[in-house]
Amino acid sequence: MQKIEIKITKVREEIASFYEPKVWHFLTLNGVALDEETLEVQWIFSRYEALDDVVIYFSKISYDTLIPSIVELIPSAIISQRELVDMFGVPVEGTEKGLYLDEDSMQKPLAGCKL
């Protein structure tokens, strides 16, 4: 596994230069609450035909930082982006909330939850 820290402002640029659809499978966009103010956002990929070859791009951000969308590069990322908005309450460019949580559900249940 390779874990690469990137600036949140360079997400699209870094992923665009790395991602080859016939080589890499986009697994998910993940959030890890580091504390009540900081979230680690992870874009996780695995190599086809070598599932133990995993690359994780990550950025540490505050909960009010706008996360760039990668949907133009990887259309299936919309599901993970919407989950991140629902579960952590962070803004993701062009992404609506409401995929997993109903209006009467507890909102952003994972925000600030350290594991």
Protein backbone atom coordinates (compact mmCIF):
# COMPACT_ATOMS: atom_id res chain seq x y z
CA MET A 1 0.00 0.00 0.00
CA GLN A 2 1.19 3.47 -0.88
CA LYS A 3 -0.24 6.50 0.90
CA ILE A 4 0.37 9.89 -0.73
CA GLU A 5 -0.51 13.21 0.88
CA ILE A 6 -1.76 15.88 -1.53
CA LYS A 7 -3.00 19.43 -1.14
CA ILE A 8 -6.78 19.66 -1.38
CA THR A 9 -6.38 22.30 -4.09
CA LYS A 10 -4.42 19.80 -6.24
CA VAL A 11 -6.77 16.80 -5.94
CA ARG A 12 -8.10 16.79 -9.49
CA GLU A 13 -4.70 17.51 -10.99
CA GLU A 14 -2.97 14.73 -9.02
CA ILE A 15 -5.66 12.13 -9.65
CA ALA A 16 -5.92 13.03 -13.35
CA SER A 17 -2.18 12.49 -13.79
CA PHE A 18 -2.31 9.15 -11.95
CA TYR A 19 -5.59 7.56 -12.96
CA GLU A 20 -5.67 5.17 -15.91
CA PRO A 21 -9.11 3.50 -16.12
CA LYS A 22 -7.75 0.25 -17.58
CA VAL A 23 -5.07 -0.01 -14.87
CA TRP A 24 -6.66 1.37 -11.70
CA HIS A 25 -10.01 0.67 -10.05
CA PHE A 26 -11.44 3.54 -8.00
CA LEU A 27 -12.59 1.88 -4.77
CA THR A 28 -13.98 4.78 -2.78
CA LEU A 29 -13.66 8.25 -1.35
CA ASN A 30 -13.38 7.85 2.39
CA GLY A 31 -13.36 10.13 5.41
CA VAL A 32 -11.53 9.57 8.69
CA ALA A 33 -12.29 11.93 11.56
CA LEU A 34 -8.97 12.82 13.17
CA ASP A 35 -10.58 15.08 15.77
CA GLU A 36 -13.54 17.45 16.08
CA GLU A 37 -11.96 19.92 13.65
CA THR A 38 -9.94 17.78 11.23
CA LEU A 39 -10.94 15.22 8.65
CA GLU A 40 -8.65 13.07 6.53
CA VAL A 41 -10.19 12.59 3.09
CA GLN A 42 -8.93 9.56 1.17
CA TRP A 43 -9.26 8.66 -2.52
CA ILE A 44 -8.53 4.92 -2.67
CA PHE A 45 -7.51 2.95 -5.76
CA SER A 46 -6.46 -0.65 -6.40
CA ARG A 47 -4.66 -2.01 -9.43
CA TYR A 48 -6.64 -4.44 -11.57
CA GLU A 49 -5.09 -7.92 -11.56
CA ALA A 50 -3.08 -7.05 -8.42
CA LEU A 51 -5.63 -6.33 -5.71
CA ASP A 52 -2.96 -6.00 -3.02
CA ASP A 53 -1.53 -2.99 -4.90
CA VAL A 54 -3.43 -0.09 -3.30
CA VAL A 55 -2.77 3.63 -3.62
CA ILE A 56 -4.40 6.11 -1.26
CA TYR A 57 -4.29 9.83 -1.95
CA PHE A 58 -5.21 11.86 1.12
CA SER A 59 -5.65 15.40 2.40
CA LYS A 60 -6.17 16.62 5.93
CA ILE A 61 -8.79 19.35 6.00
CA SER A 62 -11.17 21.21 8.28
CA TYR A 63 -14.85 20.30 8.04
CA ASP A 64 -15.71 23.53 6.21
CA THR A 65 -13.14 23.07 3.41
CA LEU A 66 -14.66 22.59 -0.05
CA ILE A 67 -13.57 19.23 -1.46
CA PRO A 68 -13.07 19.21 -5.24
CA SER A 69 -15.24 16.77 -7.18
CA ILE A 70 -13.58 14.06 -9.29
CA VAL A 71 -16.80 13.03 -11.04
CA GLU A 72 -15.59 14.42 -14.37
CA LEU A 73 -12.63 12.01 -14.14
CA ILE A 74 -14.45 9.10 -12.48
CA PRO A 75 -18.26 9.29 -12.81
CA SER A 76 -18.87 6.57 -10.20
CA ALA A 77 -17.24 8.80 -7.56
CA ILE A 78 -20.58 10.60 -7.18
CA ILE A 79 -21.82 7.89 -4.79
CA SER A 80 -18.79 8.21 -2.49
CA GLN A 81 -18.94 11.99 -2.66
CA ARG A 82 -22.59 12.03 -1.62
CA GLU A 83 -21.87 9.61 1.21
CA LEU A 84 -19.08 11.90 2.47
CA VAL A 85 -21.48 14.87 2.45
CA ASP A 86 -24.13 12.91 4.37
CA MET A 87 -21.89 11.23 6.92
CA PHE A 88 -19.46 14.06 7.69
CA GLY A 89 -21.33 17.18 6.62
CA VAL A 90 -18.41 18.42 4.52
CA PRO A 91 -19.03 20.32 1.29
CA VAL A 92 -18.05 18.52 -1.91
CA GLU A 93 -18.14 20.58 -5.08
CA GLY A 94 -21.41 20.05 -6.98
CA THR A 95 -22.57 17.28 -4.66
CA GLU A 96 -25.93 17.19 -2.90
CA LYS A 97 -26.68 15.58 0.43
CA GLY A 98 -29.54 13.19 0.99
CA LEU A 99 -28.34 9.95 -0.57
CA TYR A 100 -28.21 7.94 2.67
CA LEU A 101 -29.88 10.11 5.29
CA ASP A 102 -33.49 11.20 5.39
CA GLU A 103 -34.29 14.72 6.57
CA ASP A 104 -35.35 13.40 9.98
CA SER A 105 -32.16 11.30 10.42
CA MET A 106 -29.30 12.36 12.64
CA GLN A 107 -27.29 14.68 10.40
CA LYS A 108 -23.53 14.19 9.77
CA PRO A 109 -23.28 11.29 12.25
CA LEU A 110 -19.55 10.72 11.70
CA ALA A 111 -18.37 14.34 11.99
CA GLY A 112 -15.82 14.62 14.76
CA CYS A 113 -16.03 10.93 15.70
CA LYS A 114 -12.55 9.60 16.29
CA LEU A 115 -12.11 5.91 15.72
